[in-house]
Amino acid sequence: MAITFQGQLGPLERKLLEEVWSRQSVTVRELVAGGKIRLAYTTVMTTLDRLYKKGLLDRAAEGKAFRYSCRCAPKE
């Protein structure tokens, strides 16, 4: 079952979703520390949480943080 949110995603949501796809799984800290994403930690955290609530990402607790992974392939 394909999830069709692409038209409903903002530019930042799309950018972060593409980053998660390219890395398989990632924490907020890893995204921010990588240097490619130049945003505040809380901005990245909030955006990934929104993508999770939209059903596009899975997350698993990892210490005090979450590790995010995609629920679907980029083509979906």
PDB file of N, CA and C in Angstrom:
ATOM      1  N   MET A   1       0.836  -1.177   0.000  1.00  0.00           N
ATOM      2  CA  MET A   1       0.000   0.000   0.000  1.00  0.00           C
ATOM      3  C   MET A   1       0.884   1.246   0.000  1.00  0.00           C
ATOM      4  N   ALA A   2       0.766   2.059  -0.988  1.00  0.00           N
ATOM      5  CA  ALA A   2       1.591   3.255  -1.109  1.00  0.00           C
ATOM      6  C   ALA A   2       1.044   4.385  -0.239  1.00  0.00           C
ATOM      7  N   ILE A   3       1.964   5.119   0.348  1.00  0.00           N
ATOM      8  CA  ILE A   3       1.584   6.281   1.153  1.00  0.00           C
ATOM      9  C   ILE A   3       1.832   7.505   0.291  1.00  0.00           C
ATOM     10  N   THR A   4       0.799   8.284   0.028  1.00  0.00           N
ATOM     11  CA  THR A   4       0.923   9.403  -0.904  1.00  0.00           C
ATOM     12  C   THR A   4       0.811  10.732  -0.178  1.00  0.00           C
ATOM     13  N   PHE A   5       1.901  11.133   0.445  1.00  0.00           N
ATOM     14  CA  PHE A   5       1.946  12.410   1.137  1.00  0.00           C
ATOM     15  C   PHE A   5       2.809  13.419   0.400  1.00  0.00           C
ATOM     16  N   GLN A   6       3.478  13.017  -0.673  1.00  0.00           N
ATOM     17  CA  GLN A   6       4.432  13.890  -1.341  1.00  0.00           C
ATOM     18  C   GLN A   6       3.857  15.263  -1.652  1.00  0.00           C
ATOM     19  N   GLY A   7       2.643  15.328  -2.125  1.00  0.00           N
ATOM     20  CA  GLY A   7       2.037  16.609  -2.442  1.00  0.00           C
ATOM     21  C   GLY A   7       1.719  17.425  -1.209  1.00  0.00           C
ATOM     22  N   GLN A   8       1.642  16.786  -0.062  1.00  0.00           N
ATOM     23  CA  GLN A   8       1.272  17.466   1.170  1.00  0.00           C
ATOM     24  C   GLN A   8       2.474  17.773   2.060  1.00  0.00           C
ATOM     25  N   LEU A   9       3.667  17.506   1.578  1.00  0.00           N
ATOM     26  CA  LEU A   9       4.864  17.748   2.372  1.00  0.00           C
ATOM     27  C   LEU A   9       5.486  19.090   1.999  1.00  0.00           C
ATOM     28  N   GLY A  10       5.958  19.779   3.017  1.00  0.00           N
ATOM     29  CA  GLY A  10       6.675  21.019   2.783  1.00  0.00           C
ATOM     30  C   GLY A  10       8.103  20.732   2.349  1.00  0.00           C
ATOM     31  N   PRO A  11       8.824  21.757   1.901  1.00  0.00           N
ATOM     32  CA  PRO A  11      10.191  21.558   1.424  1.00  0.00           C
ATOM     33  C   PRO A  11      11.126  20.981   2.497  1.00  0.00           C
ATOM     34  N   LEU A  12      10.994  21.420   3.723  1.00  0.00           N
ATOM     35  CA  LEU A  12      11.849  20.913   4.796  1.00  0.00           C
ATOM     36  C   LEU A  12      11.521  19.453   5.098  1.00  0.00           C
ATOM     37  N   GLU A  13      10.236  19.118   5.111  1.00  0.00           N
ATOM     38  CA  GLU A  13       9.838  17.725   5.338  1.00  0.00           C
ATOM     39  C   GLU A  13      10.414  16.831   4.252  1.00  0.00           C
ATOM     40  N   ARG A  14      10.329  17.265   3.007  1.00  0.00           N
ATOM     41  CA  ARG A  14      10.872  16.471   1.893  1.00  0.00           C
ATOM     42  C   ARG A  14      12.376  16.287   2.028  1.00  0.00           C
ATOM     43  N   LYS A  15      13.072  17.380   2.366  1.00  0.00           N
ATOM     44  CA  LYS A  15      14.526  17.322   2.496  1.00  0.00           C
ATOM     45  C   LYS A  15      14.947  16.338   3.584  1.00  0.00           C
ATOM     46  N   LEU A  16      14.298  16.405   4.733  1.00  0.00           N
ATOM     47  CA  LEU A  16      14.657  15.501   5.827  1.00  0.00           C
ATOM     48  C   LEU A  16      14.265  14.058   5.519  1.00  0.00           C
ATOM     49  N   LEU A  17      13.135  13.869   4.863  1.00  0.00           N
ATOM     50  CA  LEU A  17      12.720  12.519   4.473  1.00  0.00           C
ATOM     51  C   LEU A  17      13.741  11.910   3.511  1.00  0.00           C
ATOM     52  N   GLU A  18      14.240  12.704   2.571  1.00  0.00           N
ATOM     53  CA  GLU A  18      15.269  12.224   1.647  1.00  0.00           C
ATOM     54  C   GLU A  18      16.545  11.856   2.391  1.00  0.00           C
ATOM     55  N   GLU A  19      16.901  12.627   3.410  1.00  0.00           N
ATOM     56  CA  GLU A  19      18.087  12.313   4.213  1.00  0.00           C
ATOM     57  C   GLU A  19      17.914  10.979   4.952  1.00  0.00           C
ATOM     58  N   VAL A  20      16.736  10.759   5.512  1.00  0.00           N
ATOM     59  CA  VAL A  20      16.485   9.494   6.212  1.00  0.00           C
ATOM     60  C   VAL A  20      16.546   8.346   5.212  1.00  0.00           C
ATOM     61  N   TRP A  21      15.960   8.519   4.025  1.00  0.00           N
ATOM     62  CA  TRP A  21      16.031   7.470   2.991  1.00  0.00           C
ATOM     63  C   TRP A  21      17.474   7.156   2.647  1.00  0.00           C
ATOM     64  N   SER A  22      18.282   8.174   2.486  1.00  0.00           N
ATOM     65  CA  SER A  22      19.667   7.950   2.047  1.00  0.00           C
ATOM     66  C   SER A  22      20.524   7.277   3.121  1.00  0.00           C
ATOM     67  N   ARG A  23      20.143   7.413   4.392  1.00  0.00           N
ATOM     68  CA  ARG A  23      20.944   6.857   5.491  1.00  0.00           C
ATOM     69  C   ARG A  23      20.336   5.590   6.095  1.00  0.00           C
ATOM     70  N   GLN A  24      19.181   5.181   5.657  1.00  0.00           N
ATOM     71  CA  GLN A  24      18.468   4.008   6.188  1.00  0.00           C
ATOM     72  C   GLN A  24      17.832   4.294   7.555  1.00  0.00           C
ATOM     73  N   SER A  25      18.638   4.725   8.524  1.00  0.00           N
ATOM     74  CA  SER A  25      18.103   5.126   9.827  1.00  0.00           C
ATOM     75  C   SER A  25      19.024   6.198  10.408  1.00  0.00           C
ATOM     76  N   VAL A  26      18.444   7.056  11.239  1.00  0.00           N
ATOM     77  CA  VAL A  26      19.211   8.201  11.719  1.00  0.00           C
ATOM     78  C   VAL A  26      18.568   8.786  12.970  1.00  0.00           C
ATOM     79  N   THR A  27      19.393   9.400  13.806  1.00  0.00           N
ATOM     80  CA  THR A  27      18.883  10.166  14.939  1.00  0.00           C
ATOM     81  C   THR A  27      18.956  11.647  14.577  1.00  0.00           C
ATOM     82  N   VAL A  28      18.267  12.471  15.340  1.00  0.00           N
ATOM     83  CA  VAL A  28      18.321  13.915  15.103  1.00  0.00           C
ATOM     84  C   VAL A  28      19.766  14.397  15.230  1.00  0.00           C
ATOM     85  N   ARG A  29      20.454  13.934  16.260  1.00  0.00           N
ATOM     86  CA  ARG A  29      21.840  14.361  16.492  1.00  0.00           C
ATOM     87  C   ARG A  29      22.736  14.017  15.299  1.00  0.00           C
ATOM     88  N   GLU A  30      22.548  12.836  14.715  1.00  0.00           N
ATOM     89  CA  GLU A  30      23.348  12.436  13.553  1.00  0.00           C
ATOM     90  C   GLU A  30      23.081  13.346  12.356  1.00  0.00           C
ATOM     91  N   LEU A  31      21.823  13.716  12.155  1.00  0.00           N
ATOM     92  CA  LEU A  31      21.491  14.626  11.049  1.00  0.00           C
ATOM     93  C   LEU A  31      22.141  15.991  11.239  1.00  0.00           C
ATOM     94  N   VAL A  32      22.041  16.518  12.443  1.00  0.00           N
ATOM     95  CA  VAL A  32      22.577  17.853  12.719  1.00  0.00           C
ATOM     96  C   VAL A  32      24.108  17.832  12.695  1.00  0.00           C
ATOM     97  N   ALA A  33      24.709  16.790  13.260  1.00  0.00           N
ATOM     98  CA  ALA A  33      26.165  16.700  13.333  1.00  0.00           C
ATOM     99  C   ALA A  33      26.802  16.453  11.963  1.00  0.00           C
ATOM    100  N   GLY A  34      26.044  15.902  11.035  1.00  0.00           N
ATOM    101  CA  GLY A  34      26.578  15.604   9.713  1.00  0.00           C
ATOM    102  C   GLY A  34      26.978  16.837   8.925  1.00  0.00           C
ATOM    103  N   GLY A  35      26.455  17.995   9.290  1.00  0.00           N
ATOM    104  CA  GLY A  35      26.811  19.240   8.621  1.00  0.00           C
ATOM    105  C   GLY A  35      26.011  19.565   7.379  1.00  0.00           C
ATOM    106  N   LYS A  36      25.333  18.573   6.817  1.00  0.00           N
ATOM    107  CA  LYS A  36      24.546  18.812   5.605  1.00  0.00           C
ATOM    108  C   LYS A  36      23.245  19.556   5.936  1.00  0.00           C
ATOM    109  N   ILE A  37      22.700  19.290   7.110  1.00  0.00           N
ATOM    110  CA  ILE A  37      21.483  19.946   7.572  1.00  0.00           C
ATOM    111  C   ILE A  37      21.901  21.073   8.510  1.00  0.00           C
ATOM    112  N   ARG A  38      21.661  22.298   8.118  1.00  0.00           N
ATOM    113  CA  ARG A  38      22.054  23.453   8.932  1.00  0.00           C
ATOM    114  C   ARG A  38      20.815  24.085   9.554  1.00  0.00           C
ATOM    115  N   LEU A  39      20.263  23.358  10.504  1.00  0.00           N
ATOM    116  CA  LEU A  39      19.065  23.803  11.208  1.00  0.00           C
ATOM    117  C   LEU A  39      19.250  23.540  12.694  1.00  0.00           C
ATOM    118  N   ALA A  40      18.435  24.188  13.498  1.00  0.00           N
ATOM    119  CA  ALA A  40      18.471  23.947  14.936  1.00  0.00           C
ATOM    120  C   ALA A  40      18.033  22.511  15.225  1.00  0.00           C
ATOM    121  N   TYR A  41      18.612  21.941  16.249  1.00  0.00           N
ATOM    122  CA  TYR A  41      18.285  20.582  16.683  1.00  0.00           C
ATOM    123  C   TYR A  41      16.778  20.426  16.864  1.00  0.00           C
ATOM    124  N   THR A  42      16.157  21.408  17.531  1.00  0.00           N
ATOM    125  CA  THR A  42      14.717  21.310  17.816  1.00  0.00           C
ATOM    126  C   THR A  42      13.869  21.380  16.550  1.00  0.00           C
ATOM    127  N   THR A  43      14.340  22.106  15.545  1.00  0.00           N
ATOM    128  CA  THR A  43      13.611  22.175  14.273  1.00  0.00           C
ATOM    129  C   THR A  43      13.617  20.813  13.592  1.00  0.00           C
ATOM    130  N   VAL A  44      14.773  20.172  13.569  1.00  0.00           N
ATOM    131  CA  VAL A  44      14.889  18.841  12.963  1.00  0.00           C
ATOM    132  C   VAL A  44      14.041  17.842  13.752  1.00  0.00           C
ATOM    133  N   MET A  45      14.114  17.909  15.078  1.00  0.00           N
ATOM    134  CA  MET A  45      13.356  17.003  15.939  1.00  0.00           C
ATOM    135  C   MET A  45      11.847  17.149  15.688  1.00  0.00           C
ATOM    136  N   THR A  46      11.364  18.370  15.623  1.00  0.00           N
ATOM    137  CA  THR A  46       9.935  18.619  15.399  1.00  0.00           C
ATOM    138  C   THR A  46       9.495  18.124  14.026  1.00  0.00           C
ATOM    139  N   THR A  47      10.324  18.365  13.023  1.00  0.00           N
ATOM    140  CA  THR A  47       9.968  17.952  11.659  1.00  0.00           C
ATOM    141  C   THR A  47       9.938  16.434  11.528  1.00  0.00           C
ATOM    142  N   LEU A  48      10.910  15.741  12.113  1.00  0.00           N
ATOM    143  CA  LEU A  48      10.900  14.277  12.070  1.00  0.00           C
ATOM    144  C   LEU A  48       9.696  13.726  12.837  1.00  0.00           C
ATOM    145  N   ASP A  49       9.340  14.370  13.937  1.00  0.00           N
ATOM    146  CA  ASP A  49       8.159  13.945  14.692  1.00  0.00           C
ATOM    147  C   ASP A  49       6.898  14.094  13.848  1.00  0.00           C
ATOM    148  N   ARG A  50       6.799  15.161  13.095  1.00  0.00           N
ATOM    149  CA  ARG A  50       5.634  15.355  12.204  1.00  0.00           C
ATOM    150  C   ARG A  50       5.576  14.272  11.138  1.00  0.00           C
ATOM    151  N   LEU A  51       6.736  13.934  10.567  1.00  0.00           N
ATOM    152  CA  LEU A  51       6.773  12.867   9.560  1.00  0.00           C
ATOM    153  C   LEU A  51       6.389  11.526  10.177  1.00  0.00           C
ATOM    154  N   TYR A  52       6.776  11.302  11.407  1.00  0.00           N
ATOM    155  CA  TYR A  52       6.377  10.091  12.132  1.00  0.00           C
ATOM    156  C   TYR A  52       4.862  10.075  12.327  1.00  0.00           C
ATOM    157  N   LYS A  53       4.297  11.186  12.746  1.00  0.00           N
ATOM    158  CA  LYS A  53       2.849  11.266  12.983  1.00  0.00           C
ATOM    159  C   LYS A  53       2.047  11.143  11.696  1.00  0.00           C
ATOM    160  N   LYS A  54       2.646  11.503  10.565  1.00  0.00           N
ATOM    161  CA  LYS A  54       1.986  11.351   9.269  1.00  0.00           C
ATOM    162  C   LYS A  54       2.094   9.914   8.755  1.00  0.00           C
ATOM    163  N   GLY A  55       2.848   9.080   9.463  1.00  0.00           N
ATOM    164  CA  GLY A  55       2.972   7.679   9.076  1.00  0.00           C
ATOM    165  C   GLY A  55       4.066   7.392   8.076  1.00  0.00           C
ATOM    166  N   LEU A  56       4.952   8.361   7.840  1.00  0.00           N
ATOM    167  CA  LEU A  56       6.015   8.162   6.859  1.00  0.00           C
ATOM    168  C   LEU A  56       7.294   7.604   7.470  1.00  0.00           C
ATOM    169  N   LEU A  57       7.469   7.785   8.768  1.00  0.00           N
ATOM    170  CA  LEU A  57       8.661   7.288   9.453  1.00  0.00           C
ATOM    171  C   LEU A  57       8.275   6.364  10.594  1.00  0.00           C
ATOM    172  N   ASP A  58       9.155   5.422  10.876  1.00  0.00           N
ATOM    173  CA  ASP A  58       9.086   4.617  12.095  1.00  0.00           C
ATOM    174  C   ASP A  58      10.117   5.194  13.040  1.00  0.00           C
ATOM    175  N   ARG A  59       9.957   4.935  14.329  1.00  0.00           N
ATOM    176  CA  ARG A  59      10.985   5.358  15.264  1.00  0.00           C
ATOM    177  C   ARG A  59      11.085   4.349  16.398  1.00  0.00           C
ATOM    178  N   ALA A  60      12.297   4.226  16.899  1.00  0.00           N
ATOM    179  CA  ALA A  60      12.575   3.322  18.006  1.00  0.00           C
ATOM    180  C   ALA A  60      13.400   4.081  19.027  1.00  0.00           C
ATOM    181  N   ALA A  61      13.073   3.884  20.300  1.00  0.00           N
ATOM    182  CA  ALA A  61      13.815   4.552  21.359  1.00  0.00           C
ATOM    183  C   ALA A  61      15.261   4.078  21.343  1.00  0.00           C
ATOM    184  N   GLU A  62      16.161   5.030  21.498  1.00  0.00           N
ATOM    185  CA  GLU A  62      17.594   4.738  21.564  1.00  0.00           C
ATOM    186  C   GLU A  62      18.179   5.659  22.630  1.00  0.00           C
ATOM    187  N   GLY A  63      18.247   5.156  23.843  1.00  0.00           N
ATOM    188  CA  GLY A  63      18.644   6.008  24.963  1.00  0.00           C
ATOM    189  C   GLY A  63      17.541   7.026  25.221  1.00  0.00           C
ATOM    190  N   LYS A  64      17.919   8.291  25.257  1.00  0.00           N
ATOM    191  CA  LYS A  64      16.931   9.359  25.460  1.00  0.00           C
ATOM    192  C   LYS A  64      16.394   9.905  24.142  1.00  0.00           C
ATOM    193  N   ALA A  65      16.874   9.376  23.039  1.00  0.00           N
ATOM    194  CA  ALA A  65      16.485   9.872  21.719  1.00  0.00           C
ATOM    195  C   ALA A  65      15.703   8.799  20.960  1.00  0.00           C
ATOM    196  N   PHE A  66      15.334   9.141  19.735  1.00  0.00           N
ATOM    197  CA  PHE A  66      14.689   8.190  18.829  1.00  0.00           C
ATOM    198  C   PHE A  66      15.570   7.995  17.612  1.00  0.00           C
ATOM    199  N   ARG A  67      15.560   6.774  17.076  1.00  0.00           N
ATOM    200  CA  ARG A  67      16.191   6.480  15.791  1.00  0.00           C
ATOM    201  C   ARG A  67      15.062   6.336  14.784  1.00  0.00           C
ATOM    202  N   TYR A  68      15.120   7.132  13.731  1.00  0.00           N
ATOM    203  CA  TYR A  68      14.068   7.166  12.717  1.00  0.00           C
ATOM    204  C   TYR A  68      14.468   6.372  11.486  1.00  0.00           C
ATOM    205  N   SER A  69      13.501   5.713  10.870  1.00  0.00           N
ATOM    206  CA  SER A  69      13.697   5.003   9.605  1.00  0.00           C
ATOM    207  C   SER A  69      12.432   5.163   8.782  1.00  0.00           C
ATOM    208  N   CYS A  70      12.555   4.997   7.489  1.00  0.00           N
ATOM    209  CA  CYS A  70      11.406   5.185   6.586  1.00  0.00           C
ATOM    210  C   CYS A  70      10.496   3.966   6.597  1.00  0.00           C
ATOM    211  N   ARG A  71       9.220   4.234   6.447  1.00  0.00           N
ATOM    212  CA  ARG A  71       8.225   3.164   6.377  1.00  0.00           C
ATOM    213  C   ARG A  71       7.963   2.737   4.948  1.00  0.00           C
ATOM    214  N   CYS A  72       8.458   3.517   3.986  1.00  0.00           N
ATOM    215  CA  CYS A  72       8.189   3.208   2.586  1.00  0.00           C
ATOM    216  C   CYS A  72       9.413   3.559   1.742  1.00  0.00           C
ATOM    217  N   ALA A  73       9.426   3.054   0.527  1.00  0.00           N
ATOM    218  CA  ALA A  73      10.503   3.360  -0.409  1.00  0.00           C
ATOM    219  C   ALA A  73      10.296   4.755  -0.994  1.00  0.00           C
ATOM    220  N   PRO A  74      11.351   5.394  -1.486  1.00  0.00           N
ATOM    221  CA  PRO A  74      11.206   6.737  -2.056  1.00  0.00           C
ATOM    222  C   PRO A  74      10.168   6.827  -3.172  1.00  0.00           C
ATOM    223  N   LYS A  75      10.021   5.770  -3.971  1.00  0.00           N
ATOM    224  CA  LYS A  75       9.067   5.803  -5.085  1.00  0.00           C
ATOM    225  C   LYS A  75       7.622   5.790  -4.603  1.00  0.00           C
ATOM    226  N   GLU A  76       7.406   5.265  -3.413  1.00  0.00           N
ATOM    227  CA  GLU A  76       6.055   5.205  -2.870  1.00  0.00           C
ATOM    228  C   GLU A  76       5.661   6.567  -2.369  1.00  0.00           C
TER     229      GLU A  76
END
